Amino acid sequence: MSPPSRPDPAGPPRPAEQVWTTFLSALEALPADVRLLLLLHDVAGAPIEELMPLLGLPAAECRQRLEAAHACLRAHARHLGAPPACP
């Protein structure tokens, strides 16, 4: 019995790698302040009220930017390989 073959490093990316690459691409497409807002709120769990003074924005504007960031990430997820531009 021969050992299992390894994937060709030059071959197509595995699905998990493609998802990760697409996610990073989507994050990079966001403006720096929106990316910061998204990561601090969604990943670190910081409430909007703590992020408002950091970004110098009212709560409504923070929420609007978060919604736009979420929409960008969803758009990238739907268009693997040819992601749209984000605001």
Protein backbone atom coordinates (compact mmCIF):
# COMPACT_ATOMS: atom_id res chain seq x y z
CA MET A 1 0.00 0.00 0.00
CA SER A 2 1.41 3.36 -0.96
CA PRO A 3 1.40 6.36 1.41
CA PRO A 4 -1.39 8.91 0.92
CA SER A 5 -0.55 11.51 -1.66
CA ARG A 6 -0.01 15.08 -0.54
CA PRO A 7 -1.75 17.96 -2.27
CA ASP A 8 0.31 19.70 -4.89
CA PRO A 9 1.47 23.01 -3.36
CA ALA A 10 1.07 24.64 -6.75
CA GLY A 11 -2.43 23.18 -7.16
CA PRO A 12 -5.72 24.90 -6.44
CA PRO A 13 -6.26 26.19 -2.90
CA ARG A 14 -8.20 24.03 -0.51
CA PRO A 15 -11.68 25.34 0.39
CA ALA A 16 -10.61 26.37 3.91
CA GLU A 17 -7.65 28.30 2.52
CA GLN A 18 -9.88 29.99 -0.04
CA VAL A 19 -12.34 31.05 2.65
CA TRP A 20 -9.54 32.43 4.83
CA THR A 21 -7.95 34.27 1.90
CA THR A 22 -11.32 35.74 0.91
CA PHE A 23 -11.96 36.87 4.49
CA LEU A 24 -8.57 38.58 4.71
CA SER A 25 -9.15 40.20 1.33
CA ALA A 26 -12.50 41.52 2.54
CA LEU A 27 -10.92 42.93 5.70
CA GLU A 28 -8.22 44.63 3.66
CA ALA A 29 -10.87 46.16 1.39
CA LEU A 30 -12.37 48.03 4.34
CA PRO A 31 -11.11 51.48 5.30
CA ALA A 32 -8.77 51.27 8.30
CA ASP A 33 -11.20 52.94 10.73
CA VAL A 34 -14.05 50.65 9.70
CA ARG A 35 -11.79 47.60 9.98
CA LEU A 36 -10.80 48.72 13.49
CA LEU A 37 -14.45 49.24 14.44
CA LEU A 38 -15.42 45.81 13.10
CA LEU A 39 -12.61 43.96 14.85
CA LEU A 40 -13.00 45.72 18.18
CA HIS A 41 -16.79 45.33 18.20
CA ASP A 42 -17.33 41.93 16.58
CA VAL A 43 -14.17 40.11 17.63
CA ALA A 44 -13.12 41.78 20.88
CA GLY A 45 -16.68 42.46 22.03
CA ALA A 46 -16.26 46.17 22.74
CA PRO A 47 -19.60 47.96 22.98
CA ILE A 48 -20.38 50.82 20.60
CA GLU A 49 -20.39 53.24 23.53
CA GLU A 50 -16.69 52.53 24.19
CA LEU A 51 -15.78 52.83 20.52
CA MET A 52 -17.50 56.18 19.93
CA PRO A 53 -14.82 58.31 21.63
CA LEU A 54 -12.02 56.24 20.11
CA LEU A 55 -13.27 56.97 16.58
CA GLY A 56 -14.81 60.37 17.35
CA LEU A 57 -18.16 59.26 15.93
CA PRO A 58 -21.73 59.20 17.25
CA ALA A 59 -23.36 55.83 17.93
CA ALA A 60 -25.54 55.99 14.81
CA GLU A 61 -22.50 56.50 12.56
CA CYS A 62 -20.64 53.61 14.26
CA ARG A 63 -23.63 51.33 13.69
CA GLN A 64 -23.94 52.46 10.07
CA ARG A 65 -20.26 51.72 9.43
CA LEU A 66 -20.58 48.31 11.10
CA GLU A 67 -23.53 47.48 8.86
CA ALA A 68 -21.51 48.50 5.80
CA ALA A 69 -18.58 46.34 6.95
CA HIS A 70 -20.88 43.35 7.47
CA ALA A 71 -22.35 43.90 3.99
CA CYS A 72 -18.85 43.98 2.52
CA LEU A 73 -17.90 40.71 4.22
CA ARG A 74 -21.12 39.07 2.99
CA ALA A 75 -20.49 40.32 -0.56
CA HIS A 76 -16.98 38.86 -0.51
CA ALA A 77 -18.34 35.56 0.78
CA ARG A 78 -20.83 35.41 -2.11
CA HIS A 79 -18.23 36.27 -4.76
CA LEU A 80 -15.29 33.99 -4.06
CA GLY A 81 -12.58 34.58 -6.60
CA ALA A 82 -13.91 37.93 -7.87
CA PRO A 83 -14.85 40.00 -4.81
CA PRO A 84 -16.52 43.39 -5.22
CA ALA A 85 -15.03 46.63 -3.99
CA CYS A 86 -16.10 47.81 -0.56
CA PRO A 87 -16.93 51.35 0.42
